[in-house]
C-alpha atoms as a PDB file:
ATOM      1  CA  MET A   1     -14.972  -4.201  12.802  1.00  0.00           C
ATOM      2  CA  ALA A   2     -11.377  -3.728  13.849  1.00  0.00           C
ATOM      3  CA  VAL A   3      -9.526  -0.491  13.164  1.00  0.00           C
ATOM      4  CA  THR A   4      -5.831  -1.236  12.759  1.00  0.00           C
ATOM      5  CA  ALA A   5      -3.550  -4.122  11.884  1.00  0.00           C
ATOM      6  CA  LEU A   6      -0.539  -4.858  14.085  1.00  0.00           C
ATOM      7  CA  VAL A   7       1.740  -6.019  11.259  1.00  0.00           C
ATOM      8  CA  LYS A   8       2.589  -3.926   8.226  1.00  0.00           C
ATOM      9  CA  PRO A   9       0.586  -5.449   5.382  1.00  0.00           C
ATOM     10  CA  GLN A  10       2.214  -6.587   2.177  1.00  0.00           C
ATOM     11  CA  VAL A  11      -0.684  -5.275   0.075  1.00  0.00           C
ATOM     12  CA  SER A  12      -3.269  -2.557   0.690  1.00  0.00           C
ATOM     13  CA  VAL A  13      -6.595  -2.908  -1.118  1.00  0.00           C
ATOM     14  CA  VAL A  14      -8.669   0.251  -1.586  1.00  0.00           C
ATOM     15  CA  LEU A  15     -12.445   0.022  -2.019  1.00  0.00           C
ATOM     16  CA  PRO A  16     -14.281   3.286  -2.846  1.00  0.00           C
ATOM     17  CA  TYR A  17     -17.823   3.146  -1.487  1.00  0.00           C
ATOM     18  CA  TYR A  18     -20.827   5.199  -2.557  1.00  0.00           C
ATOM     19  CA  GLU A  19     -24.447   4.064  -2.157  1.00  0.00           C
ATOM     20  CA  GLY A  20     -23.477   0.431  -2.667  1.00  0.00           C
ATOM     21  CA  GLU A  21     -24.722  -1.312   0.447  1.00  0.00           C
ATOM     22  CA  LYS A  22     -26.350  -4.070  -1.604  1.00  0.00           C
ATOM     23  CA  TRP A  23     -23.030  -5.454  -2.878  1.00  0.00           C
ATOM     24  CA  LEU A  24     -20.523  -4.356  -0.261  1.00  0.00           C
ATOM     25  CA  LEU A  25     -20.382  -7.442   1.937  1.00  0.00           C
ATOM     26  CA  ARG A  26     -19.671  -9.709  -1.027  1.00  0.00           C
ATOM     27  CA  SER A  27     -16.783  -7.538  -2.205  1.00  0.00           C
ATOM     28  CA  VAL A  28     -15.309  -7.113   1.272  1.00  0.00           C
ATOM     29  CA  ASN A  29     -15.398 -10.837   1.987  1.00  0.00           C
ATOM     30  CA  SER A  30     -13.717 -11.605  -1.339  1.00  0.00           C
ATOM     31  CA  VAL A  31     -10.757  -9.481  -0.216  1.00  0.00           C
ATOM     32  CA  LEU A  32     -10.578 -10.622   3.391  1.00  0.00           C
ATOM     33  CA  SER A  33     -10.632 -14.276   2.318  1.00  0.00           C
ATOM     34  CA  GLN A  34      -7.362 -13.846   0.393  1.00  0.00           C
ATOM     35  CA  GLY A  35      -4.687 -16.108   1.882  1.00  0.00           C
ATOM     36  CA  ASP A  36      -0.884 -16.346   2.041  1.00  0.00           C
ATOM     37  CA  VAL A  37      -0.454 -12.549   1.895  1.00  0.00           C
ATOM     38  CA  THR A  38      -0.818 -10.059   4.732  1.00  0.00           C
ATOM     39  CA  ARG A  39      -3.259  -7.460   3.517  1.00  0.00           C
ATOM     40  CA  GLU A  40      -5.422  -4.621   4.654  1.00  0.00           C
ATOM     41  CA  LEU A  41      -8.690  -3.470   3.147  1.00  0.00           C
ATOM     42  CA  ILE A  42      -9.422   0.258   3.254  1.00  0.00           C
ATOM     43  CA  VAL A  43     -13.064   1.118   2.592  1.00  0.00           C
ATOM     44  CA  VAL A  44     -13.394   4.811   1.744  1.00  0.00           C
ATOM     45  CA  ASP A  45     -16.937   6.082   2.237  1.00  0.00           C
ATOM     46  CA  ASP A  46     -17.314   8.911  -0.282  1.00  0.00           C
ATOM     47  CA  GLY A  47     -19.968  10.796   1.693  1.00  0.00           C
ATOM     48  CA  SER A  48     -22.642   8.201   0.974  1.00  0.00           C
ATOM     49  CA  SER A  49     -26.127   8.597   2.464  1.00  0.00           C
ATOM     50  CA  GLN A  50     -26.078   4.833   3.013  1.00  0.00           C
ATOM     51  CA  SER A  51     -23.381   4.352   5.619  1.00  0.00           C
ATOM     52  CA  PRO A  52     -21.369   1.130   5.218  1.00  0.00           C
ATOM     53  CA  ILE A  53     -21.115   0.742   8.989  1.00  0.00           C
ATOM     54  CA  PRO A  54     -24.184  -1.543   9.351  1.00  0.00           C
ATOM     55  CA  VAL A  55     -22.587  -3.943   6.863  1.00  0.00           C
ATOM     56  CA  LEU A  56     -19.026  -3.728   8.186  1.00  0.00           C
ATOM     57  CA  GLN A  57     -19.614  -3.726  11.933  1.00  0.00           C
ATOM     58  CA  ALA A  58     -20.306  -7.446  11.990  1.00  0.00           C
ATOM     59  CA  ILE A  59     -16.973  -8.273  10.347  1.00  0.00           C
ATOM     60  CA  GLN A  60     -14.273  -9.199  12.831  1.00  0.00           C
ATOM     61  CA  SER A  61     -10.985  -8.486  11.119  1.00  0.00           C
ATOM     62  CA  ASP A  62      -8.020  -6.362  12.091  1.00  0.00           C
ATOM     63  CA  SER A  63      -7.310  -6.019   8.359  1.00  0.00           C
ATOM     64  CA  LEU A  64     -10.349  -3.821   7.724  1.00  0.00           C
ATOM     65  CA  ARG A  65     -10.360  -0.037   8.016  1.00  0.00           C
ATOM     66  CA  LEU A  66     -13.109   2.466   7.255  1.00  0.00           C
ATOM     67  CA  ILE A  67     -12.463   6.077   6.275  1.00  0.00           C
ATOM     68  CA  ARG A  68     -15.183   8.648   5.565  1.00  0.00           C
ATOM     69  CA  ILE A  69     -14.766  11.771   3.425  1.00  0.00           C
ATOM     70  CA  ASP A  70     -17.207  14.391   2.197  1.00  0.00           C
ATOM     71  CA  HIS A  71     -18.586  13.436  -1.196  1.00  0.00           C
ATOM     72  CA  ALA A  72     -15.853  14.261  -3.704  1.00  0.00           C
ATOM     73  CA  GLY A  73     -16.026  11.535  -6.363  1.00  0.00           C
ATOM     74  CA  LYS A  74     -14.372   8.203  -6.932  1.00  0.00           C
ATOM     75  CA  GLY A  75     -10.955   9.605  -7.803  1.00  0.00           C
ATOM     76  CA  ALA A  76     -10.728  11.530  -4.545  1.00  0.00           C
ATOM     77  CA  ALA A  77     -11.867   8.457  -2.591  1.00  0.00           C
ATOM     78  CA  LEU A  78      -9.182   6.302  -4.214  1.00  0.00           C
ATOM     79  CA  ASN A  79      -6.516   8.923  -3.530  1.00  0.00           C
ATOM     80  CA  LYS A  80      -7.526   9.090   0.127  1.00  0.00           C
ATOM     81  CA  GLY A  81      -7.319   5.318   0.421  1.00  0.00           C
ATOM     82  CA  VAL A  82      -3.851   5.163  -1.119  1.00  0.00           C
ATOM     83  CA  SER A  83      -2.595   8.059   1.015  1.00  0.00           C
ATOM     84  CA  ASP A  84      -3.638   6.166   4.153  1.00  0.00           C
ATOM     85  CA  ALA A  85      -2.351   2.794   2.921  1.00  0.00           C
ATOM     86  CA  LYS A  86       0.354   1.105   4.981  1.00  0.00           C
ATOM     87  CA  ALA A  87       1.659  -1.316   2.361  1.00  0.00           C
ATOM     88  CA  ASP A  88       4.139  -0.555  -0.404  1.00  0.00           C
ATOM     89  CA  LEU A  89       1.820  -2.194  -2.947  1.00  0.00           C
ATOM     90  CA  VAL A  90      -1.796  -1.222  -3.578  1.00  0.00           C
ATOM     91  CA  CYS A  91      -4.657  -2.533  -5.681  1.00  0.00           C
ATOM     92  CA  PHE A  92      -8.326  -1.666  -6.075  1.00  0.00           C
ATOM     93  CA  ILE A  93     -11.781  -3.188  -6.054  1.00  0.00           C
ATOM     94  CA  ASP A  94     -15.137  -1.576  -6.748  1.00  0.00           C
ATOM     95  CA  GLN A  95     -17.923  -1.994  -4.225  1.00  0.00           C
ATOM     96  CA  ASP A  96     -19.867  -4.313  -6.545  1.00  0.00           C
ATOM     97  CA  ASP A  97     -16.977  -6.434  -7.871  1.00  0.00           C
ATOM     98  CA  ILE A  98     -15.428  -9.657  -6.612  1.00  0.00           C
ATOM     99  CA  MET A  99     -11.777 -10.549  -6.063  1.00  0.00           C
ATOM    100  CA  ASN A 100     -10.968 -14.103  -7.120  1.00  0.00           C
ATOM    101  CA  PRO A 101      -9.142 -16.421  -4.698  1.00  0.00           C
ATOM    102  CA  GLY A 102      -5.353 -16.214  -4.882  1.00  0.00           C
ATOM    103  CA  ARG A 103      -5.275 -12.838  -6.622  1.00  0.00           C
ATOM    104  CA  LEU A 104      -3.112 -11.030  -4.057  1.00  0.00           C
ATOM    105  CA  LYS A 105      -0.613 -13.870  -3.716  1.00  0.00           C
ATOM    106  CA  LEU A 106      -0.224 -14.228  -7.496  1.00  0.00           C
ATOM    107  CA  GLN A 107       0.542 -10.575  -8.080  1.00  0.00           C
ATOM    108  CA  TYR A 108       2.553 -10.025  -4.910  1.00  0.00           C
ATOM    109  CA  ASN A 109       4.852 -12.887  -5.901  1.00  0.00           C
ATOM    110  CA  ALA A 110       5.339 -11.256  -9.308  1.00  0.00           C
ATOM    111  CA  PHE A 111       6.822  -8.209  -7.583  1.00  0.00           C
ATOM    112  CA  LEU A 112       9.137 -10.460  -5.579  1.00  0.00           C
ATOM    113  CA  ASP A 113      10.300 -12.186  -8.773  1.00  0.00           C
ATOM    114  CA  HIS A 114      10.617  -8.927 -10.749  1.00  0.00           C
ATOM    115  CA  PRO A 115      11.514  -6.165  -8.265  1.00  0.00           C
ATOM    116  CA  GLN A 116      12.082  -3.593 -11.031  1.00  0.00           C
ATOM    117  CA  THR A 117       8.387  -3.779 -11.921  1.00  0.00           C
ATOM    118  CA  ASP A 118       6.136  -0.814 -11.140  1.00  0.00           C
ATOM    119  CA  VAL A 119       2.763  -2.258 -12.166  1.00  0.00           C
ATOM    120  CA  VAL A 120       1.502  -5.825 -12.434  1.00  0.00           C
ATOM    121  CA  TYR A 121      -1.642  -6.543 -14.442  1.00  0.00           C
ATOM    122  CA  SER A 122      -3.597  -9.720 -15.177  1.00  0.00           C
ATOM    123  CA  ASP A 123      -6.891 -10.963 -16.637  1.00  0.00           C
ATOM    124  CA  TYR A 124     -10.489 -10.574 -15.493  1.00  0.00           C
ATOM    125  CA  GLU A 125     -13.960 -11.868 -16.226  1.00  0.00           C
ATOM    126  CA  ARG A 126     -17.360 -10.240 -16.508  1.00  0.00           C
ATOM    127  CA  VAL A 127     -20.335 -11.840 -14.772  1.00  0.00           C
ATOM    128  CA  TYR A 128     -23.963 -11.048 -14.116  1.00  0.00           C
ATOM    129  CA  ASP A 129     -25.015 -10.231 -10.580  1.00  0.00           C
ATOM    130  CA  ASP A 130     -26.297 -13.785 -10.117  1.00  0.00           C
ATOM    131  CA  GLY A 131     -22.871 -15.212 -10.996  1.00  0.00           C
ATOM    132  CA  ARG A 132     -23.503 -16.251 -14.592  1.00  0.00           C
ATOM    133  CA  LEU A 133     -20.468 -15.764 -16.790  1.00  0.00           C
ATOM    134  CA  ILE A 134     -20.564 -13.156 -19.549  1.00  0.00           C
ATOM    135  CA  ASP A 135     -17.026 -13.434 -20.893  1.00  0.00           C
ATOM    136  CA  HIS A 136     -13.323 -13.475 -20.069  1.00  0.00           C
ATOM    137  CA  PHE A 137     -10.826 -10.750 -20.849  1.00  0.00           C
ATOM    138  CA  ILE A 138      -7.357 -12.214 -21.428  1.00  0.00           C
ATOM    139  CA  SER A 139      -4.493  -9.751 -21.843  1.00  0.00           C
ATOM    140  CA  HIS A 140      -0.807 -10.139 -22.738  1.00  0.00           C
ATOM    141  CA  GLN A 141       2.565  -8.491 -22.151  1.00  0.00           C
ATOM    142  CA  ALA A 142       2.784  -5.147 -23.913  1.00  0.00           C
ATOM    143  CA  THR A 143       4.834  -1.965 -23.903  1.00  0.00           C
ATOM    144  CA  ASN A 144       3.514   1.289 -22.500  1.00  0.00           C
ATOM    145  CA  ARG A 145       3.062   2.627 -26.030  1.00  0.00           C
ATOM    146  CA  GLU A 146       1.139  -0.491 -27.099  1.00  0.00           C
ATOM    147  CA  CYS A 147      -1.099  -0.157 -24.041  1.00  0.00           C
ATOM    148  CA  LEU A 148      -1.828   3.470 -24.883  1.00  0.00           C
ATOM    149  CA  LYS A 149      -2.664   2.668 -28.511  1.00  0.00           C
ATOM    150  CA  SER A 150      -4.851  -0.260 -27.517  1.00  0.00           C
ATOM    151  CA  MET A 151      -6.712   1.840 -24.990  1.00  0.00           C
ATOM    152  CA  ALA A 152      -7.316   4.581 -27.556  1.00  0.00           C
ATOM    153  CA  ARG A 153      -8.839   1.981 -29.881  1.00  0.00           C
ATOM    154  CA  SER A 154     -11.173   0.837 -27.034  1.00  0.00           C
ATOM    155  CA  THR A 155      -9.461  -2.546 -26.729  1.00  0.00           C
ATOM    156  CA  GLY A 156      -7.522  -1.788 -23.551  1.00  0.00           C
ATOM    157  CA  LEU A 157      -5.018  -4.339 -22.259  1.00  0.00           C
ATOM    158  CA  ILE A 158      -5.064  -3.187 -18.633  1.00  0.00           C
ATOM    159  CA  SER A 159      -8.001  -2.491 -16.338  1.00  0.00           C
ATOM    160  CA  MET A 160      -8.505  -1.240 -12.814  1.00  0.00           C
ATOM    161  CA  GLN A 161      -9.887  -4.675 -11.985  1.00  0.00           C
ATOM    162  CA  THR A 162      -6.470  -6.262 -12.363  1.00  0.00           C
ATOM    163  CA  ILE A 163      -3.656  -3.854 -11.545  1.00  0.00           C
ATOM    164  CA  MET A 164      -1.383  -3.902  -8.532  1.00  0.00           C
ATOM    165  CA  ILE A 165       0.929  -0.902  -8.333  1.00  0.00           C
ATOM    166  CA  LYS A 166       3.775   0.318  -6.167  1.00  0.00           C
ATOM    167  CA  ARG A 167       2.496   3.104  -3.938  1.00  0.00           C
ATOM    168  CA  SER A 168       5.557   5.164  -4.832  1.00  0.00           C
ATOM    169  CA  THR A 169       4.763   4.828  -8.546  1.00  0.00           C
ATOM    170  CA  PHE A 170       1.148   5.771  -7.925  1.00  0.00           C
ATOM    171  CA  HIS A 171       2.269   9.022  -6.333  1.00  0.00           C
ATOM    172  CA  GLU A 172       4.867   9.681  -9.057  1.00  0.00           C
ATOM    173  CA  ILE A 173       2.121   9.420 -11.688  1.00  0.00           C
ATOM    174  CA  GLY A 174       0.056  11.875  -9.683  1.00  0.00           C
ATOM    175  CA  GLY A 175      -2.657   9.553  -8.464  1.00  0.00           C
ATOM    176  CA  PHE A 176      -6.199   9.882  -9.738  1.00  0.00           C
ATOM    177  CA  SER A 177      -7.790  13.151 -10.710  1.00  0.00           C
ATOM    178  CA  ASN A 178      -9.832  14.790  -7.946  1.00  0.00           C
ATOM    179  CA  ASP A 179     -12.215  16.191 -10.567  1.00  0.00           C
ATOM    180  CA  ILE A 180     -15.629  14.810  -9.611  1.00  0.00           C
ATOM    181  CA  GLN A 181     -16.770  15.310 -13.203  1.00  0.00           C
ATOM    182  CA  LEU A 182     -14.389  12.516 -14.220  1.00  0.00           C
ATOM    183  CA  THR A 183     -16.139   9.953 -12.024  1.00  0.00           C
ATOM    184  CA  GLY A 184     -16.557   6.815 -14.099  1.00  0.00           C
ATOM    185  CA  LEU A 185     -13.514   7.521 -16.254  1.00  0.00           C
ATOM    186  CA  ASP A 186     -11.045   8.347 -13.480  1.00  0.00           C
ATOM    187  CA  ASP A 187      -9.212   5.163 -14.399  1.00  0.00           C
ATOM    188  CA  ALA A 188      -8.951   6.072 -18.096  1.00  0.00           C
ATOM    189  CA  GLU A 189      -7.407   9.457 -17.332  1.00  0.00           C
ATOM    190  CA  PHE A 190      -5.006   7.814 -14.867  1.00  0.00           C
ATOM    191  CA  PHE A 191      -3.988   5.112 -17.343  1.00  0.00           C
ATOM    192  CA  VAL A 192      -3.180   7.657 -20.061  1.00  0.00           C
ATOM    193  CA  ARG A 193      -0.693   9.317 -17.714  1.00  0.00           C
ATOM    194  CA  LEU A 194       0.622   5.934 -16.583  1.00  0.00           C
ATOM    195  CA  PHE A 195       1.230   4.673 -20.133  1.00  0.00           C
ATOM    196  CA  ALA A 196       2.840   7.963 -21.109  1.00  0.00           C
ATOM    197  CA  SER A 197       5.333   7.536 -18.256  1.00  0.00           C
ATOM    198  CA  ALA A 198       8.365   5.279 -17.942  1.00  0.00           C
ATOM    199  CA  ALA A 199       6.652   2.925 -15.480  1.00  0.00           C
ATOM    200  CA  VAL A 200       7.629  -0.742 -15.935  1.00  0.00           C
ATOM    201  CA  LEU A 201       4.592  -2.938 -16.664  1.00  0.00           C
ATOM    202  CA  LYS A 202       4.476  -6.699 -16.071  1.00  0.00           C
ATOM    203  CA  TYR A 203       1.730  -9.043 -17.268  1.00  0.00           C
ATOM    204  CA  VAL A 204       0.982 -12.041 -15.025  1.00  0.00           C
ATOM    205  CA  PRO A 205      -1.542 -14.508 -16.517  1.00  0.00           C
ATOM    206  CA  GLY A 206      -4.578 -15.393 -14.443  1.00  0.00           C
ATOM    207  CA  ILE A 207      -8.187 -14.255 -14.006  1.00  0.00           C
ATOM    208  CA  VAL A 208      -7.928 -12.287 -10.785  1.00  0.00           C
ATOM    209  CA  GLN A 209     -11.201 -10.386 -10.476  1.00  0.00           C
ATOM    210  CA  LYS A 210     -14.865 -10.307 -11.521  1.00  0.00           C
ATOM    211  CA  TRP A 211     -16.530  -7.227 -12.971  1.00  0.00           C
ATOM    212  CA  VAL A 212     -20.220  -7.508 -12.138  1.00  0.00           C
ATOM    213  CA  LEU A 213     -23.027  -6.338 -14.425  1.00  0.00           C
ATOM    214  CA  HIS A 214     -26.213  -5.603 -12.491  1.00  0.00           C
ATOM    215  CA  GLY A 215     -28.188  -2.942 -14.385  1.00  0.00           C
ATOM    216  CA  GLN A 216     -27.228  -0.093 -12.054  1.00  0.00           C
ATOM    217  CA  ASN A 217     -23.679   0.340 -13.329  1.00  0.00           C
ATOM    218  CA  TYR A 218     -22.757   4.007 -13.649  1.00  0.00           C
ATOM    219  CA  SER A 219     -21.433   3.420 -17.162  1.00  0.00           C
ATOM    220  CA  GLU A 220     -25.044   2.924 -18.333  1.00  0.00           C
ATOM    221  CA  SER A 221     -26.162   6.371 -17.163  1.00  0.00           C
ATOM    222  CA  ALA A 222     -26.683   9.633 -19.051  1.00  0.00           C
ATOM    223  CA  ASP A 223     -24.220  11.396 -16.746  1.00  0.00           C
ATOM    224  CA  PHE A 224     -21.505   9.018 -17.890  1.00  0.00           C
ATOM    225  CA  GLN A 225     -21.925  10.243 -21.471  1.00  0.00           C
ATOM    226  CA  GLN A 226     -20.998  13.750 -20.360  1.00  0.00           C
ATOM    227  CA  THR A 227     -17.971  12.319 -18.563  1.00  0.00           C
ATOM    228  CA  ARG A 228     -16.673  11.104 -21.935  1.00  0.00           C
ATOM    229  CA  LEU A 229     -16.384  14.736 -23.050  1.00  0.00           C
ATOM    230  CA  ILE A 230     -14.673  15.773 -19.826  1.00  0.00           C
ATOM    231  CA  LEU A 231     -12.058  13.064 -20.430  1.00  0.00           C
ATOM    232  CA  LEU A 232     -11.446  14.372 -23.950  1.00  0.00           C
ATOM    233  CA  LYS A 233     -10.710  17.842 -22.556  1.00  0.00           C
ATOM    234  CA  TYR A 234      -8.032  16.387 -20.303  1.00  0.00           C
ATOM    235  CA  LEU A 235      -6.503  14.339 -23.115  1.00  0.00           C
ATOM    236  CA  SER A 236      -6.501  17.301 -25.482  1.00  0.00           C
ATOM    237  CA  ASN A 237      -4.530  19.289 -22.910  1.00  0.00           C
ATOM    238  CA  TYR A 238      -2.034  16.441 -22.401  1.00  0.00           C
ATOM    239  CA  ALA A 239      -1.614  16.080 -26.171  1.00  0.00           C
ATOM    240  CA  ILE A 240      -0.214  19.607 -26.459  1.00  0.00           C
ATOM    241  CA  ASN A 241       3.067  18.535 -24.866  1.00  0.00           C
ATOM    242  CA  ASN A 242       3.028  14.783 -25.475  1.00  0.00           C
ATOM    243  CA  GLN A 243       3.460  13.428 -28.985  1.00  0.00           C
ATOM    244  CA  SER A 244       2.357   9.887 -28.088  1.00  0.00           C
ATOM    245  CA  ILE A 245      -0.963  11.148 -26.782  1.00  0.00           C
ATOM    246  CA  ARG A 246      -1.311  13.600 -29.677  1.00  0.00           C
ATOM    247  CA  GLU A 247      -0.939  10.769 -32.210  1.00  0.00           C
ATOM    248  CA  ILE A 248      -3.714   8.655 -30.753  1.00  0.00           C
ATOM    249  CA  LEU A 249      -6.092  11.450 -29.661  1.00  0.00           C
ATOM    250  CA  PRO A 250      -8.358  11.007 -32.740  1.00  0.00           C
ATOM    251  CA  TYR A 251      -8.989   7.404 -31.686  1.00  0.00           C
ATOM    252  CA  PHE A 252     -10.055   8.511 -28.212  1.00  0.00           C
ATOM    253  CA  GLN A 253     -12.281  11.169 -29.768  1.00  0.00           C
ATOM    254  CA  TYR A 254     -13.830   8.721 -32.214  1.00  0.00           C
ATOM    255  CA  HIS A 255     -14.634   6.226 -29.473  1.00  0.00           C
ATOM    256  CA  ALA A 256     -16.206   8.874 -27.224  1.00  0.00           C
ATOM    257  CA  PHE A 257     -18.413  10.280 -30.003  1.00  0.00           C
ATOM    258  CA  PHE A 258     -19.282   6.791 -31.274  1.00  0.00           C
ATOM    259  CA  MET A 259     -20.363   5.549 -27.829  1.00  0.00           C
ATOM    260  CA  ARG A 260     -22.353   8.712 -27.147  1.00  0.00           C
ATOM    261  CA  GLY A 261     -24.085   8.198 -30.487  1.00  0.00           C
ATOM    262  CA  LEU A 262     -24.959   4.615 -29.613  1.00  0.00           C
ATOM    263  CA  PHE A 263     -26.334   5.715 -26.253  1.00  0.00           C
ATOM    264  CA  TYR A 264     -28.692   8.191 -27.915  1.00  0.00           C
ATOM    265  CA  LEU A 265     -29.603   5.869 -30.786  1.00  0.00           C
ATOM    266  CA  GLU A 266     -30.611   3.066 -28.412  1.00  0.00           C
ATOM    267  CA  ARG A 267     -32.945   5.516 -26.662  1.00  0.00           C
ATOM    268  CA  GLY A 268     -34.548   6.802 -29.840  1.00  0.00           C
ATOM    269  CA  LEU A 269     -32.873  10.213 -29.655  1.00  0.00           C
ATOM    270  CA  THR A 270     -31.938  10.248 -33.323  1.00  0.00           C
ATOM    271  CA  ASP A 271     -31.001  13.932 -33.648  1.00  0.00           C
ATOM    272  CA  GLN A 272     -28.472  13.652 -30.825  1.00  0.00           C
ATOM    273  CA  ALA A 273     -27.221  10.352 -32.230  1.00  0.00           C
ATOM    274  CA  MET A 274     -26.636  11.807 -35.693  1.00  0.00           C
ATOM    275  CA  HIS A 275     -24.772  14.754 -34.199  1.00  0.00           C
ATOM    276  CA  GLU A 276     -22.369  12.432 -32.384  1.00  0.00           C
ATOM    277  CA  PHE A 277     -21.834  10.103 -35.347  1.00  0.00           C
ATOM    278  CA  LEU A 278     -21.071  13.122 -37.537  1.00  0.00           C
ATOM    279  CA  LYS A 279     -18.344  14.157 -35.103  1.00  0.00           C
ATOM    280  CA  ALA A 280     -17.029  10.578 -35.126  1.00  0.00           C
ATOM    281  CA  VAL A 281     -16.654  10.387 -38.912  1.00  0.00           C
ATOM    282  CA  ARG A 282     -14.988  13.791 -39.004  1.00  0.00           C
ATOM    283  CA  VAL A 283     -12.167  12.721 -36.704  1.00  0.00           C
ATOM    284  CA  ARG A 284     -11.747   9.315 -38.395  1.00  0.00           C
ATOM    285  CA  PRO A 285     -13.217   9.590 -41.904  1.00  0.00           C
ATOM    286  CA  LEU A 286     -11.869   6.198 -43.022  1.00  0.00           C
ATOM    287  CA  ASN A 287     -13.730   4.218 -40.344  1.00  0.00           C
ATOM    288  CA  LEU A 288     -16.910   2.893 -41.958  1.00  0.00           C
ATOM    289  CA  ASN A 289     -18.735   2.020 -38.715  1.00  0.00           C
ATOM    290  CA  GLY A 290     -19.418   5.672 -38.053  1.00  0.00           C
ATOM    291  CA  TYR A 291     -21.006   6.126 -41.477  1.00  0.00           C
ATOM    292  CA  TYR A 292     -23.135   3.004 -41.018  1.00  0.00           C
ATOM    293  CA  LEU A 293     -24.585   4.196 -37.719  1.00  0.00           C
ATOM    294  CA  LEU A 294     -25.011   7.722 -39.034  1.00  0.00           C
ATOM    295  CA  LEU A 295     -27.126   6.284 -41.865  1.00  0.00           C
ATOM    296  CA  LYS A 296     -28.988   4.060 -39.420  1.00  0.00           C
ATOM    297  CA  SER A 297     -29.802   7.081 -37.246  1.00  0.00           C
ATOM    298  CA  TRP A 298     -31.024   9.052 -40.277  1.00  0.00           C
ATOM    299  CA  THR A 299     -33.167   6.120 -41.443  1.00  0.00           C
ATOM    300  CA  LYS A 300     -34.687   5.733 -37.997  1.00  0.00           C
ATOM    301  CA  LYS A 301     -35.374   9.459 -37.852  1.00  0.00           C
ATOM    302  CA  MET A 302     -37.102   9.479 -41.255  1.00  0.00           C
ATOM    303  CA  SER A 303     -39.048   6.221 -40.921  1.00  0.00           C
ATOM    304  CA  PRO A 304     -42.072   7.727 -39.101  1.00  0.00           C
ATOM    305  CA  CYS A 305     -42.595  10.074 -42.051  1.00  0.00           C
ATOM    306  CA  LYS A 306     -43.908   7.321 -44.319  1.00  0.00           C
ATOM    307  CA  PHE A 307     -46.798   6.723 -41.942  1.00  0.00           C
ATOM    308  CA  ASN A 308     -47.806  10.388 -42.057  1.00  0.00           C
ATOM    309  CA  ARG A 309     -48.250  10.811 -45.821  1.00  0.00           C
END
């Protein structure tokens, strides 16, 4: 594993690593196989007990760098990677995801063609760990305000899987939060601040990355449900001084409570599920889905009673 590149790269790719040895080589190779663009890959080991060195030491590339920090969460790892990046453009890949061929060239060329652009975003696909396709996510050109509204309604137009951003813009936005409690939704908090800014967004069609579902995704965990509430605290604070965020805050709240309710309902925790669905219908009383799942939770809670008469 080489340490430094001799030529300033055109794009820096940051990969936050934490206990992901199983998938790391696949992700790293998908970045290093990118052609027609000079790039560097910065793997930031977030204090993992499984060092990435055994996987990376066999890779002979002067484009690969490894940085280790004490465990501080994904946001802090991403910030460290960007702060050490040599290129003026940066993008990101998770340790278990896959960059599609031609991704860096496609988006780098978009910056050449539209130099006023701050952020380029594209499309992505979801796949199972064995490569089987789940679905495609195709986006479109939208304003910052449209992106914020779409995100609040849980139909986001931009994802971490597809953005390439000027390093200067990243720092102007403030980077990712270093709050370890936001791990898993670091990107959501970052995107709210990005969309509320004057950053120029440019959509470039093309499926540029694969999000991989493998059963150990953090978004399926109980801890992630608590992270939803941490995100709401941040957004509530931002809404005090930002009308755009204030207007769409109920949609963020509804989605968080709704998804927490589903999590509990699927695990048979009906009391917790009902509590969350009640909060959902209170913030958006005209949305019928919340009432439906509230009733479903109540029915599931009461159904054992008929066998005990």
